[in-house]
């Protein structure tokens, strides 16, 4: 039967020793009596005295009523947040720098365009046509300087020259006629290059020549292969043109109008004689993908000395002096220019020596002093001239007869090589003729060089060149080998200073010694 707590009336568990509600102990006898006597009726519970109440233990904060501890939140660290902020700042910095660089570059390009526009406007007033193109329109269209300069491809249609006679050569000191050969020494960064210009024909309208250049190393240390180019000029331009050109290239059209080569026009020479001044324009080329674009520098040259100066020259294998007019001036770029801004020269020092001879005012020397022209070494100078004569004297034979030694500059070799060029044939023939006229002669062929390249190199080169001359005389002109010896002396026996282009040209020679 059920038992109840006598204190609070709570039903007691069987065998319990105390009340689960109020904690009052259950008397032992009561527990035993509960077996035999029925339970008394329930009585109303009385309030528990304060001193007798024992409260249940408090539930700790953060614990659920089923005594399962909740997940404890971990405090978040500050490092991931700092890392994200650092990355964001770095990205903002990179983007800012990129925007700044873009603004600087845009300003640079706008500055370039503005400079080009200003030049175009300033030059328009003095342009031959007087036509002013709209430079602002070009700027807005995104054109670069030189974009609208026409390209001159080698395949361009050729407009024939109008009929006009070439200036009369009867009284010319140096006649320009078929067979005349002018040897130009060309000063570049890595040494002197000699090329020949041979006049092929002169007809009723056109002057035709062939230019032969050897293999050489250009200003950028790049090997330029040997070349032979044909070029033409109109006879009429030798009367009145105010532009000269010295360059030859397979990328150029064969015929160019309104320019002269080799000599000034009659009108230009007359201006020098009358006023001592010459307004001249020089044409060069700038290589592009499918041809070339012309460049122009121009200025006024003024005579330096009131009288002619003596200009040393080798004419028909003899050292002579020619009367020359010496002029100098400052040139600037003229008109639109295809070259990048960094390659455009300014305040160019110009120097010209021209033969004082009205029938043929030859360009003896043309020099431009500026770093953009072959590192400041640009100079085209005539160092040798050979032209046909009706009854040539065998000068070599005379020298060998009288002095037992003869000097010849008419034997041509490829640049820095011992290979004879075809232009050497007339002098080789003179040597063979002298030997045949004098069957008892024996000759030693001596080679001499300038000082470019080092002593050992030049000594070897001079010996190989002397041997090449001997072999040509034996194989091509049937001279007995035992009548010829050969030797070389390199640069050890100069006849002139090696400090100048013309001096080096005269040190490159072949001498013949009668044994």
Protein backbone atom coordinates (compact mmCIF):
# COMPACT_ATOMS: atom_id res chain seq x y z
CA UNK A 1 0.00 0.00 0.00
CA UNK A 2 1.08 3.59 -0.53
CA UNK A 3 2.71 5.62 2.14
CA UNK A 4 2.58 9.37 2.50
CA UNK A 5 4.87 11.89 4.13
CA UNK A 6 3.40 12.94 7.41
CA UNK A 7 4.84 16.38 6.99
CA UNK A 8 3.86 17.41 3.43
CA UNK A 9 1.57 14.60 2.28
CA UNK A 10 3.82 13.63 -0.64
CA UNK A 11 3.54 10.00 -1.79
CA UNK A 12 6.58 8.08 -0.62
CA UNK A 13 8.46 5.59 -2.70
CA UNK A 14 8.50 2.06 -1.39
CA UNK A 15 11.44 1.58 0.96
CA UNK A 16 12.37 5.33 0.86
CA UNK A 17 14.02 6.66 3.99
CA UNK A 18 13.09 10.35 3.39
CA UNK A 19 10.58 12.46 1.51
CA UNK A 20 11.74 13.48 -1.96
CA UNK A 21 9.78 16.76 -1.72
CA UNK A 22 10.52 18.11 1.77
CA UNK A 23 13.36 15.83 2.76
CA UNK A 24 11.76 14.75 6.07
CA UNK A 25 12.97 11.36 7.28
CA UNK A 26 10.45 8.59 7.31
CA UNK A 27 10.22 6.89 10.76
CA UNK A 28 11.17 3.29 10.76
CA UNK A 29 8.09 2.16 12.62
CA UNK A 30 5.96 3.99 10.21
CA UNK A 31 7.59 2.12 7.47
CA UNK A 32 6.92 -1.16 9.22
CA UNK A 33 3.40 -0.23 10.11
CA UNK A 34 2.65 0.56 6.64
CA UNK A 35 2.61 -3.09 5.98
CA UNK A 36 -0.23 -3.97 8.33
CA UNK A 37 -2.32 -0.86 8.77
CA UNK A 38 -4.00 1.06 6.09
CA UNK A 39 -2.84 4.45 5.22
CA UNK A 40 -4.46 7.33 6.92
CA UNK A 41 -6.37 9.71 4.80
CA UNK A 42 -4.28 12.45 3.22
CA UNK A 43 -4.07 15.65 5.10
CA UNK A 44 -3.49 19.07 3.73
CA UNK A 45 0.15 19.98 3.59
CA UNK A 46 1.36 22.65 5.88
CA UNK A 47 3.87 25.21 4.86
CA UNK A 48 7.46 24.26 5.31
CA UNK A 49 9.17 26.33 7.88
CA UNK A 50 11.86 28.55 6.33
CA UNK A 51 14.57 27.08 8.46
CA UNK A 52 13.62 23.54 7.44
CA UNK A 53 13.49 24.18 3.64
CA UNK A 54 16.45 23.13 1.60
CA UNK A 55 16.22 24.59 -1.94
CA UNK A 56 17.39 22.57 -4.92
CA UNK A 57 20.81 23.44 -6.30
CA UNK A 58 20.75 26.32 -8.76
CA UNK A 59 21.32 25.54 -12.44
CA UNK A 60 24.58 27.16 -13.57
CA UNK A 61 24.24 29.90 -16.17
CA UNK A 62 24.76 28.64 -19.68
CA UNK A 63 23.53 25.11 -18.94
CA UNK A 64 20.34 23.67 -20.32
CA UNK A 65 17.70 21.95 -18.16
CA UNK A 66 19.00 18.60 -19.36
CA UNK A 67 22.49 19.39 -18.08
CA UNK A 68 24.10 19.47 -21.58
CA UNK A 69 26.64 22.31 -21.83
CA UNK A 70 26.06 24.55 -24.88
CA UNK A 71 28.75 25.12 -27.51
CA UNK A 72 31.18 27.70 -26.27
CA UNK A 73 31.73 30.53 -28.80
CA UNK A 74 35.43 31.02 -29.57
CA UNK A 75 36.69 34.60 -29.63
CA UNK A 76 37.48 35.68 -33.26
CA UNK A 77 41.13 36.56 -33.96
CA UNK A 78 42.15 39.90 -35.55
CA UNK A 79 44.74 38.55 -38.06
CA UNK A 80 42.36 37.42 -40.89
CA UNK A 81 40.68 40.82 -40.87
CA UNK A 82 44.01 42.62 -40.99
CA UNK A 83 45.14 40.41 -43.89
CA UNK A 84 42.02 41.19 -45.89
CA UNK A 85 42.50 44.90 -45.29
CA UNK A 86 46.15 44.69 -46.40
CA UNK A 87 45.21 42.88 -49.63
CA UNK A 88 42.51 45.40 -50.36
CA UNK A 89 44.92 48.30 -49.82
CA UNK A 90 47.53 46.65 -52.09
CA UNK A 91 44.98 46.22 -54.88
CA UNK A 92 43.90 49.84 -54.53
CA UNK A 93 47.55 50.94 -54.70
CA UNK A 94 48.27 48.87 -57.85
CA UNK A 95 45.15 50.20 -59.53
CA UNK A 96 46.13 53.76 -58.61
CA UNK A 97 49.63 53.33 -60.03
CA UNK A 98 48.24 51.87 -63.25
CA UNK A 99 45.87 54.80 -63.62
CA UNK A 100 48.70 57.25 -62.90
CA UNK A 101 50.98 55.58 -65.49
CA UNK A 102 48.18 55.75 -68.04
CA UNK A 103 47.71 59.44 -67.37
CA UNK A 104 51.46 60.11 -67.71
CA UNK A 105 51.66 58.16 -70.98
CA UNK A 106 48.60 59.92 -72.34
CA UNK A 107 50.17 63.25 -71.43
CA UNK A 108 53.38 62.23 -73.19
CA UNK A 109 51.55 61.26 -76.37
CA UNK A 110 49.48 64.41 -76.30
CA UNK A 111 52.70 66.39 -75.87
CA UNK A 112 54.19 64.66 -78.90
CA UNK A 113 51.12 65.39 -80.95
CA UNK A 114 51.07 69.00 -79.83
CA UNK A 115 54.73 69.42 -80.78
CA UNK A 116 54.06 67.90 -84.18
CA UNK A 117 51.10 70.21 -84.69
CA UNK A 118 53.16 73.25 -83.72
CA UNK A 119 55.90 72.25 -86.17
CA UNK A 120 53.39 71.69 -88.94
CA UNK A 121 51.84 75.11 -88.36
CA UNK A 122 55.20 76.87 -88.22
CA UNK A 123 56.44 75.16 -91.37
CA UNK A 124 53.30 75.67 -93.39
CA UNK A 125 54.05 79.35 -94.00
CA UNK A 126 57.35 78.47 -95.68
CA UNK A 127 56.30 75.28 -97.46
CA UNK A 128 56.72 75.36 -101.24
CA UNK A 129 53.04 74.75 -101.81
CA UNK A 130 51.81 77.06 -99.07
CA UNK A 131 49.14 74.47 -98.17
CA UNK A 132 48.28 73.98 -94.52
CA UNK A 133 46.84 70.59 -93.64
CA UNK A 134 44.69 70.33 -90.54
CA UNK A 135 47.12 69.05 -87.85
CA UNK A 136 44.36 69.00 -85.23
CA UNK A 137 42.40 66.63 -87.43
CA UNK A 138 45.45 64.33 -87.62
CA UNK A 139 45.84 64.53 -83.86
CA UNK A 140 42.25 63.55 -83.19
CA UNK A 141 42.43 60.79 -85.80
CA UNK A 142 45.39 59.17 -83.98
CA UNK A 143 47.95 59.62 -86.79
CA UNK A 144 51.61 59.54 -85.88
CA UNK A 145 54.17 61.88 -87.44
CA UNK A 146 55.15 60.47 -90.84
CA UNK A 147 52.01 58.38 -91.28
CA UNK A 148 50.91 60.50 -94.22
CA UNK A 149 54.34 60.62 -95.89
CA UNK A 150 54.16 58.54 -99.06
CA UNK A 151 56.27 55.40 -99.23
CA UNK A 152 58.67 55.06 -102.15
CA UNK A 153 58.64 51.37 -103.09
CA UNK A 154 61.23 50.06 -105.55
CA UNK A 155 58.38 48.85 -107.77
CA UNK A 156 56.86 52.32 -108.10
CA UNK A 157 55.94 53.26 -111.68
CA UNK A 158 58.74 55.22 -113.33
CA UNK A 159 57.90 58.52 -114.95
CA UNK A 160 60.41 58.99 -117.80
CA UNK A 161 62.67 62.01 -117.87
CA UNK A 162 61.78 64.81 -120.25
CA UNK A 163 64.18 65.35 -123.16
CA UNK A 164 67.06 67.61 -122.10
CA UNK A 165 70.78 67.56 -122.89
CA UNK A 166 73.31 66.81 -120.17
CA UNK A 167 75.65 69.75 -119.41
CA UNK A 168 78.49 69.88 -121.93
CA UNK A 169 81.60 67.98 -120.82
CA UNK A 170 84.08 69.08 -123.44
CA UNK A 171 85.86 71.55 -121.16
CA UNK A 172 85.20 69.78 -117.86
CA UNK A 173 88.20 69.23 -115.60
CA UNK A 174 86.69 65.91 -114.51
CA UNK A 175 84.33 64.82 -117.30
CA UNK A 176 81.29 62.79 -116.31
CA UNK A 177 80.95 60.39 -119.20
CA UNK A 178 80.52 56.66 -119.72
CA UNK A 179 83.41 54.84 -118.10
CA UNK A 180 84.14 57.48 -115.44
CA UNK A 181 84.46 55.94 -111.97
CA UNK A 182 84.25 57.92 -108.75
CA UNK A 183 85.34 56.13 -105.58
CA UNK A 184 83.64 57.43 -102.46
CA UNK A 185 84.94 56.81 -98.98
CA UNK A 186 82.04 56.65 -96.58
CA UNK A 187 82.69 57.28 -92.90
CA UNK A 188 80.64 55.06 -90.58
CA UNK A 189 81.01 54.08 -86.94
CA UNK A 190 83.18 51.00 -87.44
CA UNK A 191 85.50 52.21 -90.19
CA UNK A 192 85.76 53.48 -93.75
CA UNK A 193 83.71 51.95 -96.52
CA UNK A 194 84.75 52.51 -100.13
CA UNK A 195 82.12 52.25 -102.83
CA UNK A 196 82.33 53.00 -106.52
CA UNK A 197 79.97 54.93 -108.76
CA UNK A 198 80.48 54.10 -112.41
CA UNK A 199 78.76 56.11 -115.12
CA UNK A 200 77.12 53.72 -117.57
CA UNK A 201 75.46 56.03 -120.07
CA UNK A 202 74.28 59.56 -120.74
CA UNK A 203 71.56 59.95 -123.37
CA UNK A 204 69.25 62.75 -124.48
CA UNK A 205 67.26 62.70 -121.24
CA UNK A 206 68.79 60.44 -118.58
CA UNK A 207 72.02 60.02 -116.61
CA UNK A 208 72.56 56.35 -115.62
CA UNK A 209 75.14 54.97 -113.19
CA UNK A 210 75.89 51.84 -111.16
CA UNK A 211 76.89 51.94 -107.53
CA UNK A 212 78.83 49.01 -106.02
CA UNK A 213 79.17 48.75 -102.26
CA UNK A 214 81.16 46.07 -100.42
CA UNK A 215 80.04 44.08 -97.42
CA UNK A 216 80.56 46.08 -94.25
CA UNK A 217 79.40 46.48 -90.64
CA UNK A 218 76.90 49.24 -89.99
CA UNK A 219 76.51 51.50 -86.94
CA UNK A 220 74.57 48.78 -85.09
CA UNK A 221 77.29 46.15 -85.71
CA UNK A 222 75.04 44.45 -88.25
CA UNK A 223 76.66 43.02 -91.36
CA UNK A 224 75.43 44.70 -94.55
CA UNK A 225 75.85 42.47 -97.56
CA UNK A 226 77.60 43.64 -100.69
CA UNK A 227 75.31 45.25 -103.23
CA UNK A 228 75.21 46.66 -106.73
CA UNK A 229 72.49 49.20 -107.50
CA UNK A 230 71.55 51.02 -110.68
CA UNK A 231 70.27 54.57 -110.43
CA UNK A 232 69.13 57.26 -112.81
CA UNK A 233 68.69 61.02 -112.76
CA UNK A 234 67.13 63.35 -115.25
CA UNK A 235 69.45 65.58 -117.24
CA UNK A 236 67.02 68.46 -116.64
CA UNK A 237 67.55 68.17 -112.88
CA UNK A 238 71.28 68.77 -113.33
CA UNK A 239 70.24 72.18 -114.63
CA UNK A 240 68.03 73.40 -111.81
CA UNK A 241 67.40 70.97 -108.89
CA UNK A 242 68.09 72.24 -105.36
CA UNK A 243 68.25 68.82 -103.66
CA UNK A 244 71.12 66.34 -103.50
CA UNK A 245 71.11 62.66 -102.55
CA UNK A 246 74.04 60.36 -101.80
CA UNK A 247 72.33 57.14 -100.73
CA UNK A 248 71.87 54.13 -102.99
CA UNK A 249 69.48 51.34 -102.09
CA UNK A 250 67.58 48.49 -103.71
CA UNK A 251 64.58 49.74 -101.72
CA UNK A 252 64.53 52.98 -103.70
CA UNK A 253 62.94 53.48 -107.09
CA UNK A 254 65.61 53.39 -109.76
CA UNK A 255 64.75 56.85 -111.10
CA UNK A 256 64.27 59.84 -108.82
CA UNK A 257 63.09 63.23 -109.99
CA UNK A 258 64.07 66.70 -108.70
CA UNK A 259 67.38 65.56 -107.18
CA UNK A 260 70.98 65.30 -108.34
CA UNK A 261 73.74 62.85 -107.54
CA UNK A 262 77.50 63.27 -107.90
CA UNK A 263 77.32 67.00 -108.68
CA UNK A 264 75.39 70.16 -107.92
CA UNK A 265 72.97 71.57 -110.45
CA UNK A 266 74.08 74.44 -112.65
CA UNK A 267 71.69 76.79 -110.81
CA UNK A 268 73.08 75.83 -107.41
CA UNK A 269 76.67 76.34 -108.53
CA UNK A 270 75.79 79.69 -110.06
CA UNK A 271 74.27 80.83 -106.74
CA UNK A 272 77.57 80.08 -104.97
CA UNK A 273 79.58 81.99 -107.55
CA UNK A 274 77.28 85.00 -107.41
CA UNK A 275 76.53 85.32 -103.68
CA UNK A 276 78.86 82.97 -101.82
CA UNK A 277 75.76 81.26 -100.40
CA UNK A 278 73.75 78.20 -101.28
CA UNK A 279 70.33 77.16 -100.03
CA UNK A 280 70.48 73.37 -100.25
CA UNK A 281 68.31 70.44 -99.30
CA UNK A 282 69.63 66.95 -98.56
CA UNK A 283 67.48 63.87 -99.12
CA UNK A 284 67.98 60.64 -97.19
CA UNK A 285 65.74 57.63 -96.62
CA UNK A 286 64.04 55.91 -93.67
CA UNK A 287 63.35 52.21 -94.18
CA UNK A 288 59.78 51.00 -93.67
CA UNK A 289 58.11 47.67 -94.32
CA UNK A 290 57.50 47.89 -98.05
CA UNK A 291 59.99 50.51 -99.15
CA UNK A 292 61.43 53.77 -97.86
CA UNK A 293 60.14 57.14 -96.80
CA UNK A 294 62.13 60.26 -97.66
CA UNK A 295 63.69 62.50 -95.05
CA UNK A 296 64.93 66.01 -95.71
CA UNK A 297 67.32 68.38 -94.00
CA UNK A 298 67.92 71.84 -95.39
CA UNK A 299 69.76 75.04 -94.65
CA UNK A 300 71.96 77.74 -96.08
CA UNK A 301 75.64 77.12 -96.70
CA UNK A 302 78.08 80.01 -96.73
CA UNK A 303 81.46 80.13 -98.38
CA UNK A 304 84.26 79.95 -95.78
CA UNK A 305 87.35 81.15 -97.68
CA UNK A 306 87.13 83.92 -100.28
CA UNK A 307 89.28 81.88 -102.66
CA UNK A 308 89.48 78.25 -103.68
CA UNK A 309 91.23 75.74 -101.45
CA UNK A 310 93.51 72.94 -102.64
CA UNK A 311 91.73 69.64 -102.35
CA UNK A 312 93.92 66.49 -102.56
CA UNK A 313 92.65 63.88 -104.98
CA UNK A 314 93.82 60.83 -106.91
CA UNK A 315 92.89 61.29 -110.56
CA UNK A 316 93.71 58.57 -113.07
CA UNK A 317 96.02 56.98 -110.48
CA UNK A 318 97.96 60.19 -109.80
CA UNK A 319 97.92 62.31 -106.67
CA UNK A 320 96.85 65.82 -107.60
CA UNK A 321 95.13 68.83 -106.02
CA UNK A 322 91.85 70.21 -107.29
CA UNK A 323 90.43 73.73 -106.79
CA UNK A 324 87.49 73.50 -104.39
CA UNK A 325 84.95 75.83 -102.80
CA UNK A 326 84.48 75.24 -99.09
CA UNK A 327 81.07 75.98 -97.52
CA UNK A 328 79.55 75.40 -94.07
CA UNK A 329 76.18 75.97 -92.41
CA UNK A 330 73.53 74.61 -90.07
CA UNK A 331 70.74 72.36 -91.29
CA UNK A 332 67.38 71.47 -89.75
CA UNK A 333 64.76 68.86 -90.51
CA UNK A 334 62.43 70.11 -93.23
CA UNK A 335 58.76 69.19 -93.55
CA UNK A 336 57.14 66.06 -92.20
CA UNK A 337 59.47 63.38 -90.98
CA UNK A 338 58.89 59.61 -90.63
CA UNK A 339 61.59 59.12 -88.01
CA UNK A 340 60.80 58.73 -84.31
CA UNK A 341 61.34 61.87 -82.27
CA UNK A 342 64.52 60.43 -80.74
CA UNK A 343 66.06 59.93 -84.21
CA UNK A 344 65.33 63.39 -85.57
CA UNK A 345 68.42 65.58 -85.60
CA UNK A 346 68.43 69.28 -84.80
CA UNK A 347 71.06 71.94 -85.45
CA UNK A 348 73.05 69.75 -87.82
CA UNK A 349 76.50 70.96 -88.74
CA UNK A 350 76.87 70.76 -92.55
CA UNK A 351 80.07 71.03 -94.58
CA UNK A 352 80.53 70.88 -98.35
CA UNK A 353 83.52 70.90 -100.68
CA UNK A 354 82.54 71.34 -104.32
CA UNK A 355 84.82 71.34 -107.36
CA UNK A 356 85.14 74.87 -108.73
CA UNK A 357 84.38 73.87 -112.28
CA UNK A 358 81.23 75.15 -113.99
CA UNK A 359 80.86 72.24 -116.48
CA UNK A 360 80.96 69.74 -113.58
CA UNK A 361 80.69 71.10 -110.01
CA UNK A 362 81.39 67.71 -108.41
CA UNK A 363 80.51 67.02 -104.80
CA UNK A 364 83.98 66.27 -103.44
CA UNK A 365 82.98 65.98 -99.79
CA UNK A 366 79.65 66.15 -97.94
CA UNK A 367 79.54 65.93 -94.16
CA UNK A 368 76.78 66.11 -91.53
CA UNK A 369 77.82 66.43 -87.91
CA UNK A 370 75.20 64.99 -85.59
CA UNK A 371 75.01 61.92 -83.37
CA UNK A 372 72.06 60.50 -85.33
CA UNK A 373 74.16 60.37 -88.51
CA UNK A 374 76.44 57.35 -88.06
CA UNK A 375 77.34 58.32 -84.48
CA UNK A 376 78.60 61.67 -85.73
CA UNK A 377 80.91 60.13 -88.35
CA UNK A 378 78.78 60.63 -91.45
CA UNK A 379 80.88 61.80 -94.35
CA UNK A 380 80.80 60.98 -98.04
CA UNK A 381 84.02 61.92 -99.77
CA UNK A 382 85.39 61.30 -103.24
CA UNK A 383 88.92 59.94 -102.83
CA UNK A 384 89.66 58.61 -106.33
CA UNK A 385 88.50 59.47 -109.84
CA UNK A 386 89.23 57.60 -113.03
CA UNK A 387 87.93 58.65 -116.43
CA UNK A 388 88.73 57.46 -119.96
CA UNK A 389 91.23 59.40 -122.03
CA UNK A 390 91.87 59.10 -125.74
CA UNK A 391 95.57 58.22 -125.57
CA UNK A 392 96.47 57.27 -122.02
CA UNK A 393 100.08 57.34 -120.94
CA UNK A 394 101.35 54.29 -119.12
CA UNK A 395 102.26 56.24 -116.00
CA UNK A 396 103.28 53.11 -114.12
CA UNK A 397 105.81 52.20 -116.80
CA UNK A 398 107.27 55.73 -116.69
CA UNK A 399 107.62 55.62 -112.92
CA UNK A 400 109.22 52.19 -112.95
CA UNK A 401 111.62 53.31 -115.67
CA UNK A 402 112.66 56.51 -113.93
CA UNK A 403 112.33 55.70 -110.22
CA UNK A 404 112.13 51.89 -110.11
CA UNK A 405 109.03 52.27 -107.94
CA UNK A 406 105.42 53.04 -108.82
CA UNK A 407 102.38 53.67 -106.62
CA UNK A 408 98.91 52.72 -107.76
CA UNK A 409 95.52 53.44 -106.19
CA UNK A 410 93.58 51.95 -109.07
CA UNK A 411 93.48 48.40 -107.74
CA UNK A 412 90.22 47.84 -105.89
CA UNK A 413 89.47 45.23 -103.24
CA UNK A 414 86.34 44.27 -101.39
CA UNK A 415 86.05 45.86 -97.97
CA UNK A 416 88.56 44.25 -95.56
CA UNK A 417 89.17 41.47 -98.10
CA UNK A 418 91.80 40.42 -100.64
CA UNK A 419 89.25 39.93 -103.42
CA UNK A 420 89.95 42.02 -106.51
CA UNK A 421 87.05 44.01 -107.95
CA UNK A 422 86.40 44.34 -111.71
CA UNK A 423 87.32 48.04 -111.60
CA UNK A 424 90.96 46.94 -111.13
CA UNK A 425 91.24 45.74 -114.73
CA UNK A 426 92.69 48.94 -116.31
CA UNK A 427 95.62 49.12 -113.85
CA UNK A 428 96.31 45.39 -114.03
CA UNK A 429 96.48 45.77 -117.78
CA UNK A 430 98.97 48.64 -117.43
CA UNK A 431 101.23 46.51 -115.23
CA UNK A 432 101.10 43.60 -117.67
CA UNK A 433 101.82 45.95 -120.57
CA UNK A 434 104.88 47.39 -118.82
CA UNK A 435 106.24 43.89 -118.17
CA UNK A 436 105.69 42.86 -121.78
CA UNK A 437 107.42 46.03 -123.03
CA UNK A 438 110.35 45.29 -120.74
CA UNK A 439 110.93 41.50 -120.78
CA UNK A 440 113.95 41.72 -118.48
CA UNK A 441 112.01 43.37 -115.63
CA UNK A 442 111.08 41.59 -112.45
CA UNK A 443 108.68 43.25 -110.02
CA UNK A 444 107.78 42.93 -106.36
CA UNK A 445 104.16 43.67 -105.55
CA UNK A 446 103.77 45.36 -102.15
CA UNK A 447 100.51 45.71 -100.23
CA UNK A 448 99.82 48.59 -97.80
CA UNK A 449 96.83 49.34 -95.57
CA UNK A 450 95.53 52.00 -93.18
CA UNK A 451 95.67 51.48 -89.42
CA UNK A 452 92.07 50.37 -88.81
CA UNK A 453 91.92 46.82 -87.51
CA UNK A 454 95.23 46.34 -85.70
CA UNK A 455 98.79 45.65 -86.82
CA UNK A 456 98.65 41.86 -87.08
CA UNK A 457 95.38 41.94 -89.01
CA UNK A 458 96.60 44.62 -91.43
CA UNK A 459 99.92 42.90 -92.03
CA UNK A 460 98.15 39.69 -92.99
CA UNK A 461 95.65 41.58 -95.16
CA UNK A 462 98.37 43.46 -97.04
CA UNK A 463 100.25 40.24 -97.80
CA UNK A 464 97.10 38.55 -99.09
CA UNK A 465 96.28 41.51 -101.31
CA UNK A 466 99.75 41.56 -102.83
CA UNK A 467 99.44 37.85 -103.55
CA UNK A 468 96.04 38.41 -105.17
CA UNK A 469 97.57 40.96 -107.58
CA UNK A 470 100.38 38.58 -108.50
CA UNK A 471 97.96 35.70 -109.14
CA UNK A 472 95.75 37.91 -111.34
CA UNK A 473 98.75 38.95 -113.48
CA UNK A 474 99.81 35.32 -113.84
CA UNK A 475 96.41 33.78 -114.56
CA UNK A 476 94.69 36.57 -116.50
CA UNK A 477 97.59 38.29 -118.30
CA UNK A 478 100.02 35.39 -118.76
CA UNK A 479 102.94 36.89 -116.84
CA UNK A 480 105.52 34.29 -115.83
CA UNK A 481 105.36 33.60 -112.07
CA UNK A 482 109.15 33.91 -111.65
CA UNK A 483 108.97 37.56 -112.76
CA UNK A 484 106.80 38.52 -109.80
CA UNK A 485 107.33 38.49 -106.04
CA UNK A 486 104.92 39.69 -103.39
CA UNK A 487 105.10 41.14 -99.91
CA UNK A 488 102.98 43.16 -97.46
CA UNK A 489 103.71 45.80 -94.83
CA UNK A 490 100.35 46.51 -93.27
CA UNK A 491 100.08 50.03 -91.83
CA UNK A 492 103.80 50.35 -91.06
CA UNK A 493 104.61 52.62 -94.03
CA UNK A 494 101.91 55.32 -94.25
CA UNK A 495 102.28 58.12 -96.80
CA UNK A 496 99.73 60.35 -95.04
CA UNK A 497 98.09 60.65 -91.64
CA UNK A 498 95.65 57.93 -90.63
CA UNK A 499 93.67 60.48 -88.62
CA UNK A 500 91.54 61.56 -91.57
CA UNK A 501 89.32 59.70 -93.97
CA UNK A 502 91.19 60.99 -97.03
CA UNK A 503 94.57 60.17 -95.45
CA UNK A 504 93.54 56.59 -94.74
CA UNK A 505 92.28 56.27 -98.32
CA UNK A 506 95.69 57.19 -99.67
CA UNK A 507 97.45 54.79 -97.32
CA UNK A 508 95.46 51.89 -98.80
CA UNK A 509 97.56 51.28 -101.89
CA UNK A 510 99.65 48.86 -103.95
CA UNK A 511 103.26 49.65 -104.80
CA UNK A 512 105.43 48.06 -107.48
CA UNK A 513 109.21 47.83 -107.04
CA UNK A 514 111.55 46.99 -109.88
CA UNK A 515 114.17 44.43 -108.83
